[in-house]
Amino acid sequence: MCSYAEETWKYLANNCVTMTFQDSLKLEDIGTTKNGRAMFRLESDLVFCQEYSTFGLEITVPAGFVTDFASVPRFLWFIFPPMGTYNPATVLHDYLCKMEGYPRFMADAIFREAMRELGVPWWRRVAMYLGVRAYSIFWGLV
């Protein structure tokens, strides 16, 4: 059973007029983690906009934010590498997931829509979206 917020998001996702990233990623490589994941820091803000017929949504990931891009288990890297055309969407998703009180299902849905805007093939977009939803549900972050 869907909550009112989930129904509202579905309505918004189906009535989006345009969405875009306003700039490209500017990153600084800051090394690797203990488990070998590359880490990067944004050198400038990353702005994502969604326009609807009556209002707009703008999300700004601030310069200085640190990301490891897609947190994919290593055994799946040959299909879903941590870095790809979806990099801006993964940075946006990482940021939204770290925001206090931001609904996880919305962060996941925005991730899916941002990948569509970036031209990520539908099969990869769906698989990555289902991966983040499964993670969210498994860990109770719904």
C-alpha atoms as a PDB file:
ATOM      1  CA  MET A   1       0.000   0.000   0.000  1.00  0.00           C
ATOM      2  CA  CYS A   2       1.429   3.379  -1.024  1.00  0.00           C
ATOM      3  CA  SER A   3       1.519   6.350   1.288  1.00  0.00           C
ATOM      4  CA  TYR A   4       0.159   9.759   0.328  1.00  0.00           C
ATOM      5  CA  ALA A   5       3.747  10.988  -0.170  1.00  0.00           C
ATOM      6  CA  GLU A   6       4.536   8.119  -2.549  1.00  0.00           C
ATOM      7  CA  GLU A   7       1.343   8.760  -4.539  1.00  0.00           C
ATOM      8  CA  THR A   8       2.228  12.456  -4.714  1.00  0.00           C
ATOM      9  CA  TRP A   9       5.725  11.614  -5.993  1.00  0.00           C
ATOM     10  CA  LYS A  10       4.299   9.294  -8.655  1.00  0.00           C
ATOM     11  CA  TYR A  11       2.007  12.098  -9.808  1.00  0.00           C
ATOM     12  CA  LEU A  12       4.897  14.571  -9.928  1.00  0.00           C
ATOM     13  CA  ALA A  13       7.187  12.140 -11.751  1.00  0.00           C
ATOM     14  CA  ASN A  14       4.513  11.631 -14.418  1.00  0.00           C
ATOM     15  CA  ASN A  15       3.877  15.378 -14.825  1.00  0.00           C
ATOM     16  CA  CYS A  16       7.440  16.672 -15.013  1.00  0.00           C
ATOM     17  CA  VAL A  17       7.911  19.101 -17.904  1.00  0.00           C
ATOM     18  CA  THR A  18      11.723  19.271 -17.919  1.00  0.00           C
ATOM     19  CA  MET A  19      14.650  18.282 -15.739  1.00  0.00           C
ATOM     20  CA  THR A  20      18.305  19.051 -16.077  1.00  0.00           C
ATOM     21  CA  PHE A  21      21.671  19.310 -14.387  1.00  0.00           C
ATOM     22  CA  GLN A  22      22.780  22.926 -14.746  1.00  0.00           C
ATOM     23  CA  ASP A  23      26.489  22.191 -14.946  1.00  0.00           C
ATOM     24  CA  SER A  24      28.941  19.339 -15.326  1.00  0.00           C
ATOM     25  CA  LEU A  25      30.725  17.693 -12.413  1.00  0.00           C
ATOM     26  CA  LYS A  26      33.954  19.321 -11.294  1.00  0.00           C
ATOM     27  CA  LEU A  27      35.773  16.925  -8.984  1.00  0.00           C
ATOM     28  CA  GLU A  28      38.952  16.510  -6.982  1.00  0.00           C
ATOM     29  CA  ASP A  29      40.278  12.966  -6.441  1.00  0.00           C
ATOM     30  CA  ILE A  30      40.923  12.683  -2.698  1.00  0.00           C
ATOM     31  CA  GLY A  31      42.206   9.095  -2.616  1.00  0.00           C
ATOM     32  CA  THR A  32      40.714   5.742  -1.768  1.00  0.00           C
ATOM     33  CA  THR A  33      39.017   4.144   1.212  1.00  0.00           C
ATOM     34  CA  LYS A  34      40.341   1.110   3.111  1.00  0.00           C
ATOM     35  CA  ASN A  35      38.329  -1.169   0.816  1.00  0.00           C
ATOM     36  CA  GLY A  36      39.724   0.430  -2.347  1.00  0.00           C
ATOM     37  CA  ARG A  37      36.818   2.686  -3.329  1.00  0.00           C
ATOM     38  CA  ALA A  38      37.837   5.942  -5.014  1.00  0.00           C
ATOM     39  CA  MET A  39      36.622   9.092  -3.236  1.00  0.00           C
ATOM     40  CA  PHE A  40      35.994  12.495  -4.816  1.00  0.00           C
ATOM     41  CA  ARG A  41      35.153  15.986  -3.561  1.00  0.00           C
ATOM     42  CA  LEU A  42      32.982  18.387  -5.546  1.00  0.00           C
ATOM     43  CA  GLU A  43      34.918  21.503  -6.509  1.00  0.00           C
ATOM     44  CA  SER A  44      31.760  23.447  -7.376  1.00  0.00           C
ATOM     45  CA  ASP A  45      28.040  23.163  -6.691  1.00  0.00           C
ATOM     46  CA  LEU A  46      26.026  20.590  -8.638  1.00  0.00           C
ATOM     47  CA  VAL A  47      22.517  21.904  -9.359  1.00  0.00           C
ATOM     48  CA  PHE A  48      19.631  19.681 -10.452  1.00  0.00           C
ATOM     49  CA  CYS A  49      16.331  21.251 -11.559  1.00  0.00           C
ATOM     50  CA  GLN A  50      12.942  19.733 -12.275  1.00  0.00           C
ATOM     51  CA  GLU A  51      10.272  21.948 -13.817  1.00  0.00           C
ATOM     52  CA  TYR A  52       6.569  21.204 -13.520  1.00  0.00           C
ATOM     53  CA  SER A  53       3.664  23.047 -15.074  1.00  0.00           C
ATOM     54  CA  THR A  54       3.013  25.073 -11.901  1.00  0.00           C
ATOM     55  CA  PHE A  55       6.258  24.996  -9.893  1.00  0.00           C
ATOM     56  CA  GLY A  56       9.868  23.854  -9.887  1.00  0.00           C
ATOM     57  CA  LEU A  57      12.247  21.866  -7.699  1.00  0.00           C
ATOM     58  CA  GLU A  58      15.909  22.786  -7.419  1.00  0.00           C
ATOM     59  CA  ILE A  59      18.434  20.721  -5.475  1.00  0.00           C
ATOM     60  CA  THR A  60      21.965  22.010  -4.951  1.00  0.00           C
ATOM     61  CA  VAL A  61      24.729  19.642  -3.893  1.00  0.00           C
ATOM     62  CA  PRO A  62      27.275  22.007  -2.334  1.00  0.00           C
ATOM     63  CA  ALA A  63      30.931  22.231  -3.274  1.00  0.00           C
ATOM     64  CA  GLY A  64      32.976  20.187  -0.827  1.00  0.00           C
ATOM     65  CA  PHE A  65      30.536  17.268  -0.756  1.00  0.00           C
ATOM     66  CA  VAL A  66      32.392  13.914  -0.810  1.00  0.00           C
ATOM     67  CA  THR A  67      31.176  10.934  -2.848  1.00  0.00           C
ATOM     68  CA  ASP A  68      32.274   7.487  -3.974  1.00  0.00           C
ATOM     69  CA  PHE A  69      29.731   7.528  -6.842  1.00  0.00           C
ATOM     70  CA  ALA A  70      27.714   4.296  -7.188  1.00  0.00           C
ATOM     71  CA  SER A  71      28.163   1.999  -4.192  1.00  0.00           C
ATOM     72  CA  VAL A  72      27.994  -1.237  -6.152  1.00  0.00           C
ATOM     73  CA  PRO A  73      29.365  -4.527  -4.793  1.00  0.00           C
ATOM     74  CA  ARG A  74      32.696  -5.268  -6.483  1.00  0.00           C
ATOM     75  CA  PHE A  75      31.477  -8.528  -8.074  1.00  0.00           C
ATOM     76  CA  LEU A  76      28.940  -6.481 -10.111  1.00  0.00           C
ATOM     77  CA  TRP A  77      31.405  -3.859 -11.372  1.00  0.00           C
ATOM     78  CA  PHE A  78      31.670  -5.509 -14.784  1.00  0.00           C
ATOM     79  CA  ILE A  79      27.945  -4.715 -15.347  1.00  0.00           C
ATOM     80  CA  PHE A  80      27.517  -1.675 -13.081  1.00  0.00           C
ATOM     81  CA  PRO A  81      30.845   0.113 -12.647  1.00  0.00           C
ATOM     82  CA  PRO A  82      30.972   2.665  -9.797  1.00  0.00           C
ATOM     83  CA  MET A  83      31.535   5.440 -12.344  1.00  0.00           C
ATOM     84  CA  GLY A  84      29.738   6.077 -15.623  1.00  0.00           C
ATOM     85  CA  THR A  85      27.385   8.430 -17.430  1.00  0.00           C
ATOM     86  CA  TYR A  86      25.247   8.317 -14.290  1.00  0.00           C
ATOM     87  CA  ASN A  87      27.874  10.057 -12.102  1.00  0.00           C
ATOM     88  CA  PRO A  88      25.856  13.270 -11.535  1.00  0.00           C
ATOM     89  CA  ALA A  89      22.814  11.181 -10.545  1.00  0.00           C
ATOM     90  CA  THR A  90      24.844   9.136  -8.058  1.00  0.00           C
ATOM     91  CA  VAL A  91      26.274  12.300  -6.467  1.00  0.00           C
ATOM     92  CA  LEU A  92      22.759  13.732  -6.179  1.00  0.00           C
ATOM     93  CA  HIS A  93      21.485  10.459  -4.655  1.00  0.00           C
ATOM     94  CA  ASP A  94      24.374  10.279  -2.150  1.00  0.00           C
ATOM     95  CA  TYR A  95      23.620  13.848  -1.083  1.00  0.00           C
ATOM     96  CA  LEU A  96      19.867  13.319  -0.706  1.00  0.00           C
ATOM     97  CA  CYS A  97      20.438  10.130   1.310  1.00  0.00           C
ATOM     98  CA  LYS A  98      22.665  12.026   3.737  1.00  0.00           C
ATOM     99  CA  MET A  99      20.165  14.863   4.218  1.00  0.00           C
ATOM    100  CA  GLU A 100      18.466  14.581   7.607  1.00  0.00           C
ATOM    101  CA  GLY A 101      14.778  13.783   7.277  1.00  0.00           C
ATOM    102  CA  TYR A 102      14.690  13.538   3.467  1.00  0.00           C
ATOM    103  CA  PRO A 103      12.428  10.613   2.452  1.00  0.00           C
ATOM    104  CA  ARG A 104      14.556   7.790   1.076  1.00  0.00           C
ATOM    105  CA  PHE A 105      11.935   6.735  -1.490  1.00  0.00           C
ATOM    106  CA  MET A 106      12.065  10.271  -2.928  1.00  0.00           C
ATOM    107  CA  ALA A 107      15.873  10.216  -3.092  1.00  0.00           C
ATOM    108  CA  ASP A 108      15.662   6.894  -4.934  1.00  0.00           C
ATOM    109  CA  ALA A 109      12.966   8.164  -7.330  1.00  0.00           C
ATOM    110  CA  ILE A 110      14.927  11.352  -8.093  1.00  0.00           C
ATOM    111  CA  PHE A 111      17.985   9.141  -8.738  1.00  0.00           C
ATOM    112  CA  ARG A 112      15.985   7.147 -11.306  1.00  0.00           C
ATOM    113  CA  GLU A 113      14.659  10.284 -13.029  1.00  0.00           C
ATOM    114  CA  ALA A 114      18.095  11.956 -13.035  1.00  0.00           C
ATOM    115  CA  MET A 115      19.580   8.884 -14.745  1.00  0.00           C
ATOM    116  CA  ARG A 116      16.867   9.130 -17.403  1.00  0.00           C
ATOM    117  CA  GLU A 117      17.809  12.769 -17.993  1.00  0.00           C
ATOM    118  CA  LEU A 118      21.455  11.718 -18.399  1.00  0.00           C
ATOM    119  CA  GLY A 119      20.553   9.188 -21.093  1.00  0.00           C
ATOM    120  CA  VAL A 120      21.365   6.071 -19.064  1.00  0.00           C
ATOM    121  CA  PRO A 121      19.899   3.042 -20.888  1.00  0.00           C
ATOM    122  CA  TRP A 122      16.531   1.935 -19.475  1.00  0.00           C
ATOM    123  CA  TRP A 123      17.776  -1.523 -18.395  1.00  0.00           C
ATOM    124  CA  ARG A 124      20.651  -0.041 -16.368  1.00  0.00           C
ATOM    125  CA  ARG A 125      18.427   2.707 -14.946  1.00  0.00           C
ATOM    126  CA  VAL A 126      15.793   0.189 -13.787  1.00  0.00           C
ATOM    127  CA  ALA A 127      18.379  -2.225 -12.356  1.00  0.00           C
ATOM    128  CA  MET A 128      20.189   0.519 -10.429  1.00  0.00           C
ATOM    129  CA  TYR A 129      16.908   1.960  -9.150  1.00  0.00           C
ATOM    130  CA  LEU A 130      15.757  -1.487  -7.979  1.00  0.00           C
ATOM    131  CA  GLY A 131      19.153  -1.945  -6.319  1.00  0.00           C
ATOM    132  CA  VAL A 132      18.861   1.235  -4.250  1.00  0.00           C
ATOM    133  CA  ARG A 133      15.205   0.453  -3.400  1.00  0.00           C
ATOM    134  CA  ALA A 134      16.137  -3.079  -2.269  1.00  0.00           C
ATOM    135  CA  TYR A 135      18.965  -1.656  -0.137  1.00  0.00           C
ATOM    136  CA  SER A 136      16.591   0.906   1.381  1.00  0.00           C
ATOM    137  CA  ILE A 137      13.946  -1.697   2.181  1.00  0.00           C
ATOM    138  CA  PHE A 138      16.434  -4.278   3.503  1.00  0.00           C
ATOM    139  CA  TRP A 139      18.003  -1.777   5.918  1.00  0.00           C
ATOM    140  CA  GLY A 140      14.661  -0.227   6.907  1.00  0.00           C
ATOM    141  CA  LEU A 141      15.415   3.148   5.312  1.00  0.00           C
ATOM    142  CA  VAL A 142      12.163   3.162   3.373  1.00  0.00           C
END
